[in-house]
């Protein structure tokens, strides 16, 4: 008896197949790094572009985000008389979770959309076909620098986001629940550990790579003129958000199962 397929099943199958193709394209680009080297000029241009378009928005997002976290956690701590533990809670919330996720969203929304639009416009103008005719591999010349640039900048921006978020929490703690700056910083290491920072940096690198991977694939496969490029950009941002949150869940589960946590 033939298998019965449903529209939802077909969509899930197509999505899984497309994600597999994205990883295949990205891994092929990474493989070319060891065969042909890194186009350094394009890599540096992409690093500068990503840093320029994402740093300020990330800071502006992270400061109020840190204040909101401090507001929620600080209110609870005030009820149980443990206001001095706000610093420990802020490190866990901001460094472990908020910083890499916020970095992923901004890399995808600001940098990834620009990457997708750039490659998509090159595709519909047949520039990529012209590069192939001239024996220039678009994966090596265009995709590889963007993948590495997004990964590197995401790691660097993770520290900026962490500092901005903790600064927002410090401002709220000292002005609203009236804790001292010394008590805020003194509790940093009570619940957190160095593994939290390494995990946050690893998450940021993975999210940056995924954002560039999806953006480049959607740009390379764009078709249908300018409207097709716009659709590809929208799809790239949505797929990156979904992948980032799913991968974040998987990495967090693995982290909690294999890294012992500190106890108070």
C-alpha atoms as a PDB file:
ATOM      1  CA  UNK A   1       0.000   0.000   0.000  1.00  0.00           C
ATOM      2  CA  UNK A   2       1.378   3.418  -0.935  1.00  0.00           C
ATOM      3  CA  UNK A   3       2.203   5.777   1.882  1.00  0.00           C
ATOM      4  CA  UNK A   4      -0.338   8.515   2.492  1.00  0.00           C
ATOM      5  CA  UNK A   5       1.180  11.998   2.572  1.00  0.00           C
ATOM      6  CA  UNK A   6      -0.385  15.118   4.041  1.00  0.00           C
ATOM      7  CA  UNK A   7       0.281  18.766   3.208  1.00  0.00           C
ATOM      8  CA  UNK A   8       1.802  19.281   6.659  1.00  0.00           C
ATOM      9  CA  UNK A   9       3.997  16.214   6.243  1.00  0.00           C
ATOM     10  CA  UNK A  10       5.163  17.455   2.851  1.00  0.00           C
ATOM     11  CA  UNK A  11       6.031  20.878   4.285  1.00  0.00           C
ATOM     12  CA  UNK A  12       8.004  19.339   7.135  1.00  0.00           C
ATOM     13  CA  UNK A  13       9.855  17.073   4.707  1.00  0.00           C
ATOM     14  CA  UNK A  14      10.680  19.983   2.415  1.00  0.00           C
ATOM     15  CA  UNK A  15      11.849  22.080   5.372  1.00  0.00           C
ATOM     16  CA  UNK A  16      14.153  19.337   6.644  1.00  0.00           C
ATOM     17  CA  UNK A  17      15.510  18.773   3.137  1.00  0.00           C
ATOM     18  CA  UNK A  18      16.116  22.509   2.676  1.00  0.00           C
ATOM     19  CA  UNK A  19      17.912  22.805   6.028  1.00  0.00           C
ATOM     20  CA  UNK A  20      20.090  19.866   5.053  1.00  0.00           C
ATOM     21  CA  UNK A  21      20.933  21.612   1.787  1.00  0.00           C
ATOM     22  CA  UNK A  22      21.832  24.781   3.726  1.00  0.00           C
ATOM     23  CA  UNK A  23      24.297  22.858   5.871  1.00  0.00           C
ATOM     24  CA  UNK A  24      25.729  21.156   2.787  1.00  0.00           C
ATOM     25  CA  UNK A  25      26.361  24.525   1.110  1.00  0.00           C
ATOM     26  CA  UNK A  26      27.916  25.977   4.277  1.00  0.00           C
ATOM     27  CA  UNK A  27      30.171  22.975   4.867  1.00  0.00           C
ATOM     28  CA  UNK A  28      31.287  23.037   1.251  1.00  0.00           C
ATOM     29  CA  UNK A  29      32.250  26.690   1.681  1.00  0.00           C
ATOM     30  CA  UNK A  30      34.187  25.850   4.854  1.00  0.00           C
ATOM     31  CA  UNK A  31      35.953  23.002   3.054  1.00  0.00           C
ATOM     32  CA  UNK A  32      37.177  25.488   0.457  1.00  0.00           C
ATOM     33  CA  UNK A  33      38.909  27.408   3.250  1.00  0.00           C
ATOM     34  CA  UNK A  34      41.465  24.617   3.588  1.00  0.00           C
ATOM     35  CA  UNK A  35      41.908  24.217  -0.159  1.00  0.00           C
ATOM     36  CA  UNK A  36      42.031  27.811  -1.380  1.00  0.00           C
ATOM     37  CA  UNK A  37      42.517  29.935   1.720  1.00  0.00           C
ATOM     38  CA  UNK A  38      40.439  32.871   2.958  1.00  0.00           C
ATOM     39  CA  UNK A  39      39.624  35.932   0.801  1.00  0.00           C
ATOM     40  CA  UNK A  40      40.937  38.316   3.441  1.00  0.00           C
ATOM     41  CA  UNK A  41      39.734  41.579   1.906  1.00  0.00           C
ATOM     42  CA  UNK A  42      36.140  40.386   1.653  1.00  0.00           C
ATOM     43  CA  UNK A  43      36.334  38.884   5.146  1.00  0.00           C
ATOM     44  CA  UNK A  44      37.488  42.167   6.688  1.00  0.00           C
ATOM     45  CA  UNK A  45      34.846  44.124   4.782  1.00  0.00           C
ATOM     46  CA  UNK A  46      32.126  41.835   6.090  1.00  0.00           C
ATOM     47  CA  UNK A  47      33.462  42.018   9.649  1.00  0.00           C
ATOM     48  CA  UNK A  48      33.439  45.806   9.546  1.00  0.00           C
ATOM     49  CA  UNK A  49      29.961  45.889   7.996  1.00  0.00           C
ATOM     50  CA  UNK A  50      28.473  43.532  10.601  1.00  0.00           C
ATOM     51  CA  UNK A  51      30.101  45.358  13.488  1.00  0.00           C
ATOM     52  CA  UNK A  52      28.924  48.719  12.136  1.00  0.00           C
ATOM     53  CA  UNK A  53      25.273  47.777  11.658  1.00  0.00           C
ATOM     54  CA  UNK A  54      24.764  45.657  14.786  1.00  0.00           C
ATOM     55  CA  UNK A  55      26.822  47.110  17.647  1.00  0.00           C
ATOM     56  CA  UNK A  56      24.715  50.164  18.485  1.00  0.00           C
ATOM     57  CA  UNK A  57      21.326  48.396  18.100  1.00  0.00           C
ATOM     58  CA  UNK A  58      22.597  45.565  20.315  1.00  0.00           C
ATOM     59  CA  UNK A  59      23.629  47.980  23.047  1.00  0.00           C
ATOM     60  CA  UNK A  60      20.303  49.822  22.828  1.00  0.00           C
ATOM     61  CA  UNK A  61      18.435  46.521  23.106  1.00  0.00           C
ATOM     62  CA  UNK A  62      20.608  45.015  25.850  1.00  0.00           C
ATOM     63  CA  UNK A  63      20.452  47.884  28.357  1.00  0.00           C
ATOM     64  CA  UNK A  64      16.634  47.912  28.710  1.00  0.00           C
ATOM     65  CA  UNK A  65      16.653  44.110  28.506  1.00  0.00           C
ATOM     66  CA  UNK A  66      18.996  44.020  31.496  1.00  0.00           C
ATOM     67  CA  UNK A  67      16.822  46.512  33.363  1.00  0.00           C
ATOM     68  CA  UNK A  68      13.721  44.382  32.753  1.00  0.00           C
ATOM     69  CA  UNK A  69      15.493  41.251  33.996  1.00  0.00           C
ATOM     70  CA  UNK A  70      16.687  43.147  37.066  1.00  0.00           C
ATOM     71  CA  UNK A  71      13.156  44.445  37.632  1.00  0.00           C
ATOM     72  CA  UNK A  72      11.626  40.975  37.551  1.00  0.00           C
ATOM     73  CA  UNK A  73      14.359  39.240  39.535  1.00  0.00           C
ATOM     74  CA  UNK A  74      14.960  42.169  41.888  1.00  0.00           C
ATOM     75  CA  UNK A  75      11.308  42.311  42.846  1.00  0.00           C
ATOM     76  CA  UNK A  76      11.361  38.630  43.788  1.00  0.00           C
ATOM     77  CA  UNK A  77      14.626  38.949  45.684  1.00  0.00           C
ATOM     78  CA  UNK A  78      13.293  41.954  47.579  1.00  0.00           C
ATOM     79  CA  UNK A  79      10.335  39.909  48.813  1.00  0.00           C
ATOM     80  CA  UNK A  80      12.613  37.267  50.317  1.00  0.00           C
ATOM     81  CA  UNK A  81      15.226  39.730  51.575  1.00  0.00           C
ATOM     82  CA  UNK A  82      17.993  38.644  49.220  1.00  0.00           C
ATOM     83  CA  UNK A  83      18.580  41.813  47.226  1.00  0.00           C
ATOM     84  CA  UNK A  84      22.332  41.316  47.424  1.00  0.00           C
ATOM     85  CA  UNK A  85      22.010  38.268  45.153  1.00  0.00           C
ATOM     86  CA  UNK A  86      20.903  40.389  42.205  1.00  0.00           C
ATOM     87  CA  UNK A  87      24.392  40.325  40.711  1.00  0.00           C
ATOM     88  CA  UNK A  88      24.504  36.516  40.709  1.00  0.00           C
ATOM     89  CA  UNK A  89      21.086  36.306  39.071  1.00  0.00           C
ATOM     90  CA  UNK A  90      22.002  38.900  36.452  1.00  0.00           C
ATOM     91  CA  UNK A  91      25.116  36.996  35.417  1.00  0.00           C
ATOM     92  CA  UNK A  92      23.148  33.804  34.894  1.00  0.00           C
ATOM     93  CA  UNK A  93      20.325  35.467  32.977  1.00  0.00           C
ATOM     94  CA  UNK A  94      22.344  37.892  30.851  1.00  0.00           C
ATOM     95  CA  UNK A  95      25.593  36.059  30.170  1.00  0.00           C
ATOM     96  CA  UNK A  96      24.185  32.563  29.778  1.00  0.00           C
ATOM     97  CA  UNK A  97      20.992  33.253  27.824  1.00  0.00           C
ATOM     98  CA  UNK A  98      20.226  36.851  26.888  1.00  0.00           C
ATOM     99  CA  UNK A  99      23.543  37.819  25.319  1.00  0.00           C
ATOM    100  CA  UNK A 100      23.886  34.990  22.742  1.00  0.00           C
ATOM    101  CA  UNK A 101      20.197  35.069  21.802  1.00  0.00           C
ATOM    102  CA  UNK A 102      20.139  38.856  21.365  1.00  0.00           C
ATOM    103  CA  UNK A 103      23.308  38.630  19.297  1.00  0.00           C
ATOM    104  CA  UNK A 104      21.724  35.996  17.063  1.00  0.00           C
ATOM    105  CA  UNK A 105      18.593  38.059  16.500  1.00  0.00           C
ATOM    106  CA  UNK A 106      20.504  41.212  15.561  1.00  0.00           C
ATOM    107  CA  UNK A 107      23.006  39.357  13.373  1.00  0.00           C
ATOM    108  CA  UNK A 108      20.095  37.747  11.531  1.00  0.00           C
ATOM    109  CA  UNK A 109      17.892  40.828  11.370  1.00  0.00           C
ATOM    110  CA  UNK A 110      20.486  43.443  10.433  1.00  0.00           C
ATOM    111  CA  UNK A 111      23.472  41.581   9.000  1.00  0.00           C
ATOM    112  CA  UNK A 112      21.820  38.451   7.632  1.00  0.00           C
ATOM    113  CA  UNK A 113      19.106  40.336   5.779  1.00  0.00           C
ATOM    114  CA  UNK A 114      21.746  42.515   4.097  1.00  0.00           C
ATOM    115  CA  UNK A 115      23.776  39.439   3.135  1.00  0.00           C
ATOM    116  CA  UNK A 116      20.713  37.770   1.651  1.00  0.00           C
ATOM    117  CA  UNK A 117      19.690  40.876  -0.276  1.00  0.00           C
ATOM    118  CA  UNK A 118      23.223  41.338  -1.631  1.00  0.00           C
ATOM    119  CA  UNK A 119      23.612  37.757  -2.833  1.00  0.00           C
ATOM    120  CA  UNK A 120      20.033  37.669  -4.087  1.00  0.00           C
ATOM    121  CA  UNK A 121      20.523  40.796  -6.182  1.00  0.00           C
ATOM    122  CA  UNK A 122      23.724  39.296  -7.577  1.00  0.00           C
ATOM    123  CA  UNK A 123      21.799  36.154  -8.482  1.00  0.00           C
ATOM    124  CA  UNK A 124      18.983  37.881 -10.353  1.00  0.00           C
ATOM    125  CA  UNK A 125      21.522  40.055 -12.226  1.00  0.00           C
ATOM    126  CA  UNK A 126      23.389  36.879 -13.243  1.00  0.00           C
ATOM    127  CA  UNK A 127      26.570  38.080 -11.560  1.00  0.00           C
ATOM    128  CA  UNK A 128      27.062  34.729  -9.847  1.00  0.00           C
ATOM    129  CA  UNK A 129      26.786  32.915 -13.179  1.00  0.00           C
ATOM    130  CA  UNK A 130      29.353  35.304 -14.615  1.00  0.00           C
ATOM    131  CA  UNK A 131      31.712  34.533 -11.726  1.00  0.00           C
ATOM    132  CA  UNK A 132      31.391  30.818 -12.412  1.00  0.00           C
ATOM    133  CA  UNK A 133      32.134  31.398 -16.101  1.00  0.00           C
ATOM    134  CA  UNK A 134      35.346  33.174 -15.042  1.00  0.00           C
ATOM    135  CA  UNK A 135      36.259  30.167 -12.840  1.00  0.00           C
ATOM    136  CA  UNK A 136      35.550  32.068  -9.615  1.00  0.00           C
ATOM    137  CA  UNK A 137      33.683  29.955  -7.078  1.00  0.00           C
ATOM    138  CA  UNK A 138      30.962  32.076  -5.397  1.00  0.00           C
ATOM    139  CA  UNK A 139      31.026  29.808  -2.349  1.00  0.00           C
ATOM    140  CA  UNK A 140      34.694  30.581  -1.794  1.00  0.00           C
ATOM    141  CA  UNK A 141      34.704  34.250  -2.790  1.00  0.00           C
ATOM    142  CA  UNK A 142      31.359  35.364  -1.306  1.00  0.00           C
ATOM    143  CA  UNK A 143      29.862  32.792   1.074  1.00  0.00           C
ATOM    144  CA  UNK A 144      32.962  31.740   3.047  1.00  0.00           C
ATOM    145  CA  UNK A 145      33.957  35.277   4.156  1.00  0.00           C
ATOM    146  CA  UNK A 146      30.391  35.964   5.290  1.00  0.00           C
ATOM    147  CA  UNK A 147      30.182  32.745   7.283  1.00  0.00           C
ATOM    148  CA  UNK A 148      33.443  33.402   9.112  1.00  0.00           C
ATOM    149  CA  UNK A 149      32.750  37.115   9.597  1.00  0.00           C
ATOM    150  CA  UNK A 150      29.348  36.449  11.163  1.00  0.00           C
ATOM    151  CA  UNK A 151      30.852  33.812  13.464  1.00  0.00           C
ATOM    152  CA  UNK A 152      33.713  36.037  14.625  1.00  0.00           C
ATOM    153  CA  UNK A 153      31.617  39.175  15.085  1.00  0.00           C
ATOM    154  CA  UNK A 154      28.924  37.250  16.970  1.00  0.00           C
ATOM    155  CA  UNK A 155      31.531  36.073  19.494  1.00  0.00           C
ATOM    156  CA  UNK A 156      32.902  39.595  19.918  1.00  0.00           C
ATOM    157  CA  UNK A 157      29.448  41.149  20.211  1.00  0.00           C
ATOM    158  CA  UNK A 158      28.452  38.636  22.882  1.00  0.00           C
ATOM    159  CA  UNK A 159      30.794  40.363  25.311  1.00  0.00           C
ATOM    160  CA  UNK A 160      29.384  43.782  24.396  1.00  0.00           C
ATOM    161  CA  UNK A 161      25.832  42.576  24.980  1.00  0.00           C
ATOM    162  CA  UNK A 162      26.773  40.998  28.314  1.00  0.00           C
ATOM    163  CA  UNK A 163      28.419  44.196  29.529  1.00  0.00           C
ATOM    164  CA  UNK A 164      25.490  46.360  28.415  1.00  0.00           C
ATOM    165  CA  UNK A 165      22.897  44.064  29.984  1.00  0.00           C
ATOM    166  CA  UNK A 166      24.746  43.854  33.295  1.00  0.00           C
ATOM    167  CA  UNK A 167      25.184  47.642  33.258  1.00  0.00           C
ATOM    168  CA  UNK A 168      21.412  48.012  32.911  1.00  0.00           C
ATOM    169  CA  UNK A 169      20.869  45.644  35.826  1.00  0.00           C
ATOM    170  CA  UNK A 170      23.419  47.504  37.918  1.00  0.00           C
ATOM    171  CA  UNK A 171      21.679  50.824  37.268  1.00  0.00           C
ATOM    172  CA  UNK A 172      18.328  49.386  38.359  1.00  0.00           C
ATOM    173  CA  UNK A 173      19.787  47.677  41.410  1.00  0.00           C
ATOM    174  CA  UNK A 174      21.561  50.759  42.727  1.00  0.00           C
ATOM    175  CA  UNK A 175      18.718  53.216  42.007  1.00  0.00           C
ATOM    176  CA  UNK A 176      15.583  51.164  42.687  1.00  0.00           C
ATOM    177  CA  UNK A 177      16.263  48.448  45.255  1.00  0.00           C
ATOM    178  CA  UNK A 178      19.208  50.375  46.706  1.00  0.00           C
ATOM    179  CA  UNK A 179      21.916  47.768  46.780  1.00  0.00           C
ATOM    180  CA  UNK A 180      25.531  48.817  46.709  1.00  0.00           C
ATOM    181  CA  UNK A 181      27.765  48.417  43.706  1.00  0.00           C
ATOM    182  CA  UNK A 182      30.187  46.321  45.726  1.00  0.00           C
ATOM    183  CA  UNK A 183      27.488  43.840  46.765  1.00  0.00           C
ATOM    184  CA  UNK A 184      26.279  43.605  43.169  1.00  0.00           C
ATOM    185  CA  UNK A 185      29.718  42.621  41.887  1.00  0.00           C
ATOM    186  CA  UNK A 186      30.658  40.544  44.958  1.00  0.00           C
ATOM    187  CA  UNK A 187      28.014  37.908  44.165  1.00  0.00           C
ATOM    188  CA  UNK A 188      29.044  37.416  40.537  1.00  0.00           C
ATOM    189  CA  UNK A 189      30.817  34.123  41.166  1.00  0.00           C
ATOM    190  CA  UNK A 190      28.359  32.617  43.645  1.00  0.00           C
ATOM    191  CA  UNK A 191      26.180  30.914  41.032  1.00  0.00           C
ATOM    192  CA  UNK A 192      28.123  31.376  37.792  1.00  0.00           C
ATOM    193  CA  UNK A 193      31.274  29.656  36.619  1.00  0.00           C
ATOM    194  CA  UNK A 194      33.735  29.969  33.770  1.00  0.00           C
ATOM    195  CA  UNK A 195      31.913  27.255  31.837  1.00  0.00           C
ATOM    196  CA  UNK A 196      28.895  29.592  31.577  1.00  0.00           C
ATOM    197  CA  UNK A 197      30.993  32.121  29.682  1.00  0.00           C
ATOM    198  CA  UNK A 198      32.500  29.520  27.372  1.00  0.00           C
ATOM    199  CA  UNK A 199      29.042  28.141  26.634  1.00  0.00           C
ATOM    200  CA  UNK A 200      27.689  31.625  25.895  1.00  0.00           C
ATOM    201  CA  UNK A 201      30.549  32.325  23.485  1.00  0.00           C
ATOM    202  CA  UNK A 202      30.025  28.947  21.806  1.00  0.00           C
ATOM    203  CA  UNK A 203      26.317  29.670  21.418  1.00  0.00           C
ATOM    204  CA  UNK A 204      27.057  33.064  19.911  1.00  0.00           C
ATOM    205  CA  UNK A 205      29.466  31.506  17.400  1.00  0.00           C
ATOM    206  CA  UNK A 206      26.918  28.851  16.413  1.00  0.00           C
ATOM    207  CA  UNK A 207      24.131  31.407  16.067  1.00  0.00           C
ATOM    208  CA  UNK A 208      26.298  33.701  13.963  1.00  0.00           C
ATOM    209  CA  UNK A 209      27.253  30.823  11.690  1.00  0.00           C
ATOM    210  CA  UNK A 210      23.610  29.750  11.330  1.00  0.00           C
ATOM    211  CA  UNK A 211      22.463  33.290  10.528  1.00  0.00           C
ATOM    212  CA  UNK A 212      25.054  33.662   7.763  1.00  0.00           C
ATOM    213  CA  UNK A 213      24.392  30.150   6.494  1.00  0.00           C
ATOM    214  CA  UNK A 214      20.656  30.708   6.065  1.00  0.00           C
ATOM    215  CA  UNK A 215      21.119  34.199   4.625  1.00  0.00           C
ATOM    216  CA  UNK A 216      23.697  33.081   2.065  1.00  0.00           C
ATOM    217  CA  UNK A 217      21.696  30.043   0.989  1.00  0.00           C
ATOM    218  CA  UNK A 218      18.507  32.039   0.542  1.00  0.00           C
ATOM    219  CA  UNK A 219      20.382  34.717  -1.362  1.00  0.00           C
ATOM    220  CA  UNK A 220      22.025  32.194  -3.672  1.00  0.00           C
ATOM    221  CA  UNK A 221      18.709  30.481  -4.397  1.00  0.00           C
ATOM    222  CA  UNK A 222      16.670  33.675  -4.900  1.00  0.00           C
ATOM    223  CA  UNK A 223      14.638  33.861  -8.079  1.00  0.00           C
ATOM    224  CA  UNK A 224      11.738  35.792  -9.498  1.00  0.00           C
ATOM    225  CA  UNK A 225      13.232  39.252  -9.709  1.00  0.00           C
ATOM    226  CA  UNK A 226      13.227  41.906  -6.966  1.00  0.00           C
ATOM    227  CA  UNK A 227      10.107  40.414  -5.370  1.00  0.00           C
ATOM    228  CA  UNK A 228      11.881  37.084  -5.086  1.00  0.00           C
ATOM    229  CA  UNK A 229      14.804  38.755  -3.324  1.00  0.00           C
ATOM    230  CA  UNK A 230      12.436  40.346  -0.808  1.00  0.00           C
ATOM    231  CA  UNK A 231      10.741  37.014  -0.175  1.00  0.00           C
ATOM    232  CA  UNK A 232      14.138  35.370   0.296  1.00  0.00           C
ATOM    233  CA  UNK A 233      15.131  37.977   2.886  1.00  0.00           C
ATOM    234  CA  UNK A 234      11.908  37.449   4.848  1.00  0.00           C
ATOM    235  CA  UNK A 235      12.316  33.687   4.749  1.00  0.00           C
ATOM    236  CA  UNK A 236      15.960  33.910   5.824  1.00  0.00           C
ATOM    237  CA  UNK A 237      15.142  35.979   8.911  1.00  0.00           C
ATOM    238  CA  UNK A 238      12.249  33.739   9.973  1.00  0.00           C
ATOM    239  CA  UNK A 239      14.182  30.499   9.445  1.00  0.00           C
ATOM    240  CA  UNK A 240      17.175  31.888  11.351  1.00  0.00           C
ATOM    241  CA  UNK A 241      14.990  32.840  14.325  1.00  0.00           C
ATOM    242  CA  UNK A 242      13.409  29.380  14.436  1.00  0.00           C
ATOM    243  CA  UNK A 243      16.762  27.613  14.093  1.00  0.00           C
ATOM    244  CA  UNK A 244      18.387  29.831  16.724  1.00  0.00           C
ATOM    245  CA  UNK A 245      15.764  29.134  19.367  1.00  0.00           C
ATOM    246  CA  UNK A 246      15.705  25.407  18.604  1.00  0.00           C
ATOM    247  CA  UNK A 247      19.512  25.128  18.715  1.00  0.00           C
ATOM    248  CA  UNK A 248      19.568  27.230  21.885  1.00  0.00           C
ATOM    249  CA  UNK A 249      17.206  24.745  23.537  1.00  0.00           C
ATOM    250  CA  UNK A 250      19.330  21.769  22.464  1.00  0.00           C
ATOM    251  CA  UNK A 251      22.602  23.346  23.601  1.00  0.00           C
ATOM    252  CA  UNK A 252      21.101  24.388  26.938  1.00  0.00           C
ATOM    253  CA  UNK A 253      19.823  20.878  27.611  1.00  0.00           C
ATOM    254  CA  UNK A 254      23.221  19.391  26.734  1.00  0.00           C
ATOM    255  CA  UNK A 255      24.972  21.950  28.937  1.00  0.00           C
ATOM    256  CA  UNK A 256      22.844  21.250  31.996  1.00  0.00           C
ATOM    257  CA  UNK A 257      23.231  17.507  31.574  1.00  0.00           C
ATOM    258  CA  UNK A 258      27.002  17.442  31.212  1.00  0.00           C
ATOM    259  CA  UNK A 259      28.261  20.479  33.185  1.00  0.00           C
ATOM    260  CA  UNK A 260      27.674  20.367  36.957  1.00  0.00           C
ATOM    261  CA  UNK A 261      26.052  23.531  38.241  1.00  0.00           C
ATOM    262  CA  UNK A 262      27.118  25.517  41.262  1.00  0.00           C
ATOM    263  CA  UNK A 263      25.039  25.356  44.410  1.00  0.00           C
ATOM    264  CA  UNK A 264      24.512  28.189  46.856  1.00  0.00           C
END
